[in-house]
Amino acid sequence: MNNAREKLSLGANIRVAREQQGISQRRFALMTGTSRSYLWKIESGNADVGIEVLCRIAHALDVDVKDLIDF
């Protein structure tokens, strides 16, 4: 299954939410317990994201997971 469009959409939504809150990728990596390079891959749509990481990202951004997914 090719889900490139969905990964791009999810990554863009995460990046927009992070930037709106003025959070750097470095700080966001610390907040989510992931590496900066992995977050960059997620935000650019080049990484698969498991539910555990997605939940940590939503929690760090103080949003619901459903707010990050619009597909």
PDB file of N, CA and C in Angstrom:
ATOM      1  N   MET A   1       0.844  -1.185   0.000  1.00  0.00           N
ATOM      2  CA  MET A   1       0.000   0.000   0.000  1.00  0.00           C
ATOM      3  C   MET A   1       0.882   1.239   0.000  1.00  0.00           C
ATOM      4  N   ASN A   2       0.608   2.156  -0.881  1.00  0.00           N
ATOM      5  CA  ASN A   2       1.353   3.408  -0.965  1.00  0.00           C
ATOM      6  C   ASN A   2       0.576   4.483  -0.201  1.00  0.00           C
ATOM      7  N   ASN A   3       1.156   4.942   0.876  1.00  0.00           N
ATOM      8  CA  ASN A   3       0.481   5.953   1.695  1.00  0.00           C
ATOM      9  C   ASN A   3       1.296   7.242   1.778  1.00  0.00           C
ATOM     10  N   ALA A   4       2.005   7.550   0.703  1.00  0.00           N
ATOM     11  CA  ALA A   4       2.873   8.733   0.688  1.00  0.00           C
ATOM     12  C   ALA A   4       2.085  10.017   0.932  1.00  0.00           C
ATOM     13  N   ARG A   5       0.914  10.123   0.332  1.00  0.00           N
ATOM     14  CA  ARG A   5       0.112  11.346   0.488  1.00  0.00           C
ATOM     15  C   ARG A   5      -0.305  11.540   1.946  1.00  0.00           C
ATOM     16  N   GLU A   6      -0.693  10.457   2.602  1.00  0.00           N
ATOM     17  CA  GLU A   6      -1.107  10.533   3.994  1.00  0.00           C
ATOM     18  C   GLU A   6       0.055  10.893   4.907  1.00  0.00           C
ATOM     19  N   LYS A   7       1.237  10.325   4.632  1.00  0.00           N
ATOM     20  CA  LYS A   7       2.417  10.638   5.446  1.00  0.00           C
ATOM     21  C   LYS A   7       2.813  12.098   5.273  1.00  0.00           C
ATOM     22  N   LEU A   8       2.707  12.619   4.052  1.00  0.00           N
ATOM     23  CA  LEU A   8       3.009  14.037   3.818  1.00  0.00           C
ATOM     24  C   LEU A   8       2.029  14.936   4.569  1.00  0.00           C
ATOM     25  N   SER A   9       0.763  14.579   4.538  1.00  0.00           N
ATOM     26  CA  SER A   9      -0.265  15.366   5.224  1.00  0.00           C
ATOM     27  C   SER A   9      -0.052  15.356   6.735  1.00  0.00           C
ATOM     28  N   LEU A  10       0.180  14.185   7.291  1.00  0.00           N
ATOM     29  CA  LEU A  10       0.429  14.072   8.726  1.00  0.00           C
ATOM     30  C   LEU A  10       1.653  14.883   9.124  1.00  0.00           C
ATOM     31  N   GLY A  11       2.735  14.728   8.380  1.00  0.00           N
ATOM     32  CA  GLY A  11       3.964  15.454   8.684  1.00  0.00           C
ATOM     33  C   GLY A  11       3.780  16.960   8.631  1.00  0.00           C
ATOM     34  N   ALA A  12       3.058  17.415   7.626  1.00  0.00           N
ATOM     35  CA  ALA A  12       2.812  18.853   7.491  1.00  0.00           C
ATOM     36  C   ALA A  12       1.980  19.365   8.660  1.00  0.00           C
ATOM     37  N   ASN A  13       0.976  18.598   9.071  1.00  0.00           N
ATOM     38  CA  ASN A  13       0.137  19.013  10.201  1.00  0.00           C
ATOM     39  C   ASN A  13       0.949  19.087  11.497  1.00  0.00           C
ATOM     40  N   ILE A  14       1.837  18.137  11.684  1.00  0.00           N
ATOM     41  CA  ILE A  14       2.691  18.151  12.876  1.00  0.00           C
ATOM     42  C   ILE A  14       3.617  19.364  12.842  1.00  0.00           C
ATOM     43  N   ARG A  15       4.236  19.602  11.692  1.00  0.00           N
ATOM     44  CA  ARG A  15       5.162  20.733  11.568  1.00  0.00           C
ATOM     45  C   ARG A  15       4.457  22.064  11.817  1.00  0.00           C
ATOM     46  N   VAL A  16       3.277  22.237  11.234  1.00  0.00           N
ATOM     47  CA  VAL A  16       2.523  23.483  11.418  1.00  0.00           C
ATOM     48  C   VAL A  16       2.171  23.690  12.890  1.00  0.00           C
ATOM     49  N   ALA A  17       1.688  22.642  13.535  1.00  0.00           N
ATOM     50  CA  ALA A  17       1.321  22.755  14.957  1.00  0.00           C
ATOM     51  C   ALA A  17       2.543  23.080  15.808  1.00  0.00           C
ATOM     52  N   ARG A  18       3.658  22.444  15.508  1.00  0.00           N
ATOM     53  CA  ARG A  18       4.895  22.695  16.266  1.00  0.00           C
ATOM     54  C   ARG A  18       5.359  24.130  16.063  1.00  0.00           C
ATOM     55  N   GLU A  19       5.383  24.583  14.819  1.00  0.00           N
ATOM     56  CA  GLU A  19       5.856  25.936  14.526  1.00  0.00           C
ATOM     57  C   GLU A  19       4.925  27.001  15.093  1.00  0.00           C
ATOM     58  N   GLN A  20       3.616  26.747  15.080  1.00  0.00           N
ATOM     59  CA  GLN A  20       2.668  27.708  15.648  1.00  0.00           C
ATOM     60  C   GLN A  20       2.906  27.912  17.141  1.00  0.00           C
ATOM     61  N   GLN A  21       3.431  26.880  17.787  1.00  0.00           N
ATOM     62  CA  GLN A  21       3.714  26.973  19.215  1.00  0.00           C
ATOM     63  C   GLN A  21       5.149  27.434  19.485  1.00  0.00           C
ATOM     64  N   GLY A  22       5.901  27.701  18.427  1.00  0.00           N
ATOM     65  CA  GLY A  22       7.262  28.198  18.583  1.00  0.00           C
ATOM     66  C   GLY A  22       8.228  27.168  19.159  1.00  0.00           C
ATOM     67  N   ILE A  23       7.980  25.901  18.875  1.00  0.00           N
ATOM     68  CA  ILE A  23       8.828  24.826  19.400  1.00  0.00           C
ATOM     69  C   ILE A  23       9.837  24.416  18.336  1.00  0.00           C
ATOM     70  N   SER A  24      11.106  24.438  18.687  1.00  0.00           N
ATOM     71  CA  SER A  24      12.140  23.999  17.745  1.00  0.00           C
ATOM     72  C   SER A  24      12.102  22.479  17.609  1.00  0.00           C
ATOM     73  N   GLN A  25      12.672  21.973  16.521  1.00  0.00           N
ATOM     74  CA  GLN A  25      12.737  20.518  16.354  1.00  0.00           C
ATOM     75  C   GLN A  25      13.564  19.887  17.468  1.00  0.00           C
ATOM     76  N   ARG A  26      14.603  20.548  17.873  1.00  0.00           N
ATOM     77  CA  ARG A  26      15.448  20.000  18.939  1.00  0.00           C
ATOM     78  C   ARG A  26      14.657  19.856  20.249  1.00  0.00           C
ATOM     79  N   ARG A  27      13.956  20.908  20.612  1.00  0.00           N
ATOM     80  CA  ARG A  27      13.148  20.861  21.835  1.00  0.00           C
ATOM     81  C   ARG A  27      12.022  19.837  21.700  1.00  0.00           C
ATOM     82  N   PHE A  28      11.417  19.791  20.528  1.00  0.00           N
ATOM     83  CA  PHE A  28      10.329  18.849  20.281  1.00  0.00           C
ATOM     84  C   PHE A  28      10.824  17.405  20.404  1.00  0.00           C
ATOM     85  N   ALA A  29      12.023  17.146  19.939  1.00  0.00           N
ATOM     86  CA  ALA A  29      12.606  15.807  20.073  1.00  0.00           C
ATOM     87  C   ALA A  29      12.733  15.432  21.542  1.00  0.00           C
ATOM     88  N   LEU A  30      13.181  16.370  22.347  1.00  0.00           N
ATOM     89  CA  LEU A  30      13.291  16.108  23.782  1.00  0.00           C
ATOM     90  C   LEU A  30      11.912  15.892  24.412  1.00  0.00           C
ATOM     91  N   MET A  31      10.938  16.665  23.981  1.00  0.00           N
ATOM     92  CA  MET A  31       9.585  16.557  24.526  1.00  0.00           C
ATOM     93  C   MET A  31       8.931  15.214  24.187  1.00  0.00           C
ATOM     94  N   THR A  32       9.275  14.668  23.027  1.00  0.00           N
ATOM     95  CA  THR A  32       8.626  13.447  22.558  1.00  0.00           C
ATOM     96  C   THR A  32       9.471  12.193  22.770  1.00  0.00           C
ATOM     97  N   GLY A  33      10.704  12.364  23.221  1.00  0.00           N
ATOM     98  CA  GLY A  33      11.564  11.211  23.438  1.00  0.00           C
ATOM     99  C   GLY A  33      12.006  10.543  22.155  1.00  0.00           C
ATOM    100  N   THR A  34      12.116  11.322  21.092  1.00  0.00           N
ATOM    101  CA  THR A  34      12.580  10.808  19.805  1.00  0.00           C
ATOM    102  C   THR A  34      13.780  11.617  19.343  1.00  0.00           C
ATOM    103  N   SER A  35      14.390  11.197  18.269  1.00  0.00           N
ATOM    104  CA  SER A  35      15.532  11.945  17.748  1.00  0.00           C
ATOM    105  C   SER A  35      15.055  13.058  16.820  1.00  0.00           C
ATOM    106  N   ARG A  36      15.874  14.064  16.707  1.00  0.00           N
ATOM    107  CA  ARG A  36      15.555  15.179  15.821  1.00  0.00           C
ATOM    108  C   ARG A  36      15.469  14.700  14.372  1.00  0.00           C
ATOM    109  N   SER A  37      16.370  13.786  13.986  1.00  0.00           N
ATOM    110  CA  SER A  37      16.363  13.296  12.608  1.00  0.00           C
ATOM    111  C   SER A  37      15.085  12.505  12.312  1.00  0.00           C
ATOM    112  N   TYR A  38      14.593  11.738  13.284  1.00  0.00           N
ATOM    113  CA  TYR A  38      13.345  11.003  13.088  1.00  0.00           C
ATOM    114  C   TYR A  38      12.180  11.971  12.945  1.00  0.00           C
ATOM    115  N   LEU A  39      12.150  13.011  13.771  1.00  0.00           N
ATOM    116  CA  LEU A  39      11.086  14.007  13.651  1.00  0.00           C
ATOM    117  C   LEU A  39      11.141  14.711  12.305  1.00  0.00           C
ATOM    118  N   TRP A  40      12.345  14.996  11.825  1.00  0.00           N
ATOM    119  CA  TRP A  40      12.479  15.621  10.507  1.00  0.00           C
ATOM    120  C   TRP A  40      11.892  14.699   9.448  1.00  0.00           C
ATOM    121  N   LYS A  41      12.180  13.407   9.537  1.00  0.00           N
ATOM    122  CA  LYS A  41      11.633  12.442   8.573  1.00  0.00           C
ATOM    123  C   LYS A  41      10.109  12.377   8.656  1.00  0.00           C
ATOM    124  N   ILE A  42       9.578  12.431   9.864  1.00  0.00           N
ATOM    125  CA  ILE A  42       8.121  12.422  10.031  1.00  0.00           C
ATOM    126  C   ILE A  42       7.527  13.678   9.395  1.00  0.00           C
ATOM    127  N   GLU A  43       8.086  14.827   9.730  1.00  0.00           N
ATOM    128  CA  GLU A  43       7.546  16.095   9.236  1.00  0.00           C
ATOM    129  C   GLU A  43       7.670  16.228   7.726  1.00  0.00           C
ATOM    130  N   SER A  44       8.655  15.574   7.137  1.00  0.00           N
ATOM    131  CA  SER A  44       8.823  15.646   5.686  1.00  0.00           C
ATOM    132  C   SER A  44       8.085  14.513   4.963  1.00  0.00           C
ATOM    133  N   GLY A  45       7.398  13.662   5.721  1.00  0.00           N
ATOM    134  CA  GLY A  45       6.614  12.591   5.122  1.00  0.00           C
ATOM    135  C   GLY A  45       7.427  11.394   4.691  1.00  0.00           C
ATOM    136  N   ASN A  46       8.623  11.238   5.246  1.00  0.00           N
ATOM    137  CA  ASN A  46       9.518  10.157   4.841  1.00  0.00           C
ATOM    138  C   ASN A  46       9.650   9.043   5.868  1.00  0.00           C
ATOM    139  N   ALA A  47       8.805   9.029   6.876  1.00  0.00           N
ATOM    140  CA  ALA A  47       8.896   7.993   7.906  1.00  0.00           C
ATOM    141  C   ALA A  47       7.512   7.490   8.264  1.00  0.00           C
ATOM    142  N   ASP A  48       7.446   6.205   8.554  1.00  0.00           N
ATOM    143  CA  ASP A  48       6.220   5.649   9.109  1.00  0.00           C
ATOM    144  C   ASP A  48       6.186   6.011  10.590  1.00  0.00           C
ATOM    145  N   VAL A  49       4.990   6.244  11.103  1.00  0.00           N
ATOM    146  CA  VAL A  49       4.835   6.656  12.493  1.00  0.00           C
ATOM    147  C   VAL A  49       3.938   5.652  13.207  1.00  0.00           C
ATOM    148  N   GLY A  50       4.454   5.079  14.275  1.00  0.00           N
ATOM    149  CA  GLY A  50       3.656   4.171  15.084  1.00  0.00           C
ATOM    150  C   GLY A  50       2.725   4.950  15.991  1.00  0.00           C
ATOM    151  N   ILE A  51       1.718   4.273  16.485  1.00  0.00           N
ATOM    152  CA  ILE A  51       0.717   4.928  17.327  1.00  0.00           C
ATOM    153  C   ILE A  51       1.330   5.472  18.608  1.00  0.00           C
ATOM    154  N   GLU A  52       2.312   4.779  19.165  1.00  0.00           N
ATOM    155  CA  GLU A  52       2.935   5.266  20.411  1.00  0.00           C
ATOM    156  C   GLU A  52       3.613   6.609  20.184  1.00  0.00           C
ATOM    157  N   VAL A  53       4.378   6.719  19.111  1.00  0.00           N
ATOM    158  CA  VAL A  53       5.065   7.985  18.809  1.00  0.00           C
ATOM    159  C   VAL A  53       4.042   9.058  18.465  1.00  0.00           C
ATOM    160  N   LEU A  54       3.025   8.691  17.700  1.00  0.00           N
ATOM    161  CA  LEU A  54       2.000   9.663  17.339  1.00  0.00           C
ATOM    162  C   LEU A  54       1.301  10.210  18.583  1.00  0.00           C
ATOM    163  N   CYS A  55       1.033   9.356  19.541  1.00  0.00           N
ATOM    164  CA  CYS A  55       0.418   9.799  20.793  1.00  0.00           C
ATOM    165  C   CYS A  55       1.353  10.726  21.567  1.00  0.00           C
ATOM    166  N   ARG A  56       2.650  10.419  21.593  1.00  0.00           N
ATOM    167  CA  ARG A  56       3.609  11.297  22.290  1.00  0.00           C
ATOM    168  C   ARG A  56       3.697  12.647  21.604  1.00  0.00           C
ATOM    169  N   ILE A  57       3.644  12.657  20.280  1.00  0.00           N
ATOM    170  CA  ILE A  57       3.678  13.911  19.528  1.00  0.00           C
ATOM    171  C   ILE A  57       2.435  14.744  19.856  1.00  0.00           C
ATOM    172  N   ALA A  58       1.267  14.121  19.806  1.00  0.00           N
ATOM    173  CA  ALA A  58       0.024  14.847  20.105  1.00  0.00           C
ATOM    174  C   ALA A  58       0.043  15.382  21.529  1.00  0.00           C
ATOM    175  N   HIS A  59       0.511  14.566  22.464  1.00  0.00           N
ATOM    176  CA  HIS A  59       0.579  15.007  23.864  1.00  0.00           C
ATOM    177  C   HIS A  59       1.519  16.215  24.005  1.00  0.00           C
ATOM    178  N   ALA A  60       2.673  16.161  23.362  1.00  0.00           N
ATOM    179  CA  ALA A  60       3.637  17.269  23.445  1.00  0.00           C
ATOM    180  C   ALA A  60       3.058  18.549  22.853  1.00  0.00           C
ATOM    181  N   LEU A  61       2.226  18.407  21.828  1.00  0.00           N
ATOM    182  CA  LEU A  61       1.604  19.571  21.195  1.00  0.00           C
ATOM    183  C   LEU A  61       0.296  19.976  21.871  1.00  0.00           C
ATOM    184  N   ASP A  62      -0.131  19.184  22.849  1.00  0.00           N
ATOM    185  CA  ASP A  62      -1.384  19.422  23.571  1.00  0.00           C
ATOM    186  C   ASP A  62      -2.578  19.446  22.624  1.00  0.00           C
ATOM    187  N   VAL A  63      -2.598  18.467  21.712  1.00  0.00           N
ATOM    188  CA  VAL A  63      -3.719  18.300  20.787  1.00  0.00           C
ATOM    189  C   VAL A  63      -4.136  16.836  20.799  1.00  0.00           C
ATOM    190  N   ASP A  64      -5.297  16.560  20.250  1.00  0.00           N
ATOM    191  CA  ASP A  64      -5.732  15.181  20.079  1.00  0.00           C
ATOM    192  C   ASP A  64      -5.086  14.610  18.826  1.00  0.00           C
ATOM    193  N   VAL A  65      -4.861  13.318  18.805  1.00  0.00           N
ATOM    194  CA  VAL A  65      -4.289  12.667  17.623  1.00  0.00           C
ATOM    195  C   VAL A  65      -5.136  12.972  16.402  1.00  0.00           C
ATOM    196  N   LYS A  66      -6.440  12.956  16.566  1.00  0.00           N
ATOM    197  CA  LYS A  66      -7.342  13.210  15.427  1.00  0.00           C
ATOM    198  C   LYS A  66      -7.132  14.594  14.819  1.00  0.00           C
ATOM    199  N   ASP A  67      -6.603  15.523  15.598  1.00  0.00           N
ATOM    200  CA  ASP A  67      -6.345  16.862  15.067  1.00  0.00           C
ATOM    201  C   ASP A  67      -5.150  16.893  14.121  1.00  0.00           C
ATOM    202  N   LEU A  68      -4.313  15.872  14.187  1.00  0.00           N
ATOM    203  CA  LEU A  68      -3.139  15.800  13.322  1.00  0.00           C
ATOM    204  C   LEU A  68      -3.415  15.029  12.037  1.00  0.00           C
ATOM    205  N   ILE A  69      -4.527  14.294  12.017  1.00  0.00           N
ATOM    206  CA  ILE A  69      -4.865  13.448  10.871  1.00  0.00           C
ATOM    207  C   ILE A  69      -6.076  14.039  10.176  1.00  0.00           C
ATOM    208  N   ASP A  70      -5.926  14.379   8.908  1.00  0.00           N
ATOM    209  CA  ASP A  70      -7.066  14.949   8.163  1.00  0.00           C
ATOM    210  C   ASP A  70      -7.297  14.205   6.866  1.00  0.00           C
ATOM    211  N   PHE A  71      -7.058  12.907   6.889  1.00  0.00           N
ATOM    212  CA  PHE A  71      -7.309  12.108   5.686  1.00  0.00           C
ATOM    213  C   PHE A  71      -8.171  10.923   6.016  1.00  0.00           C
TER     214      PHE A  71
END
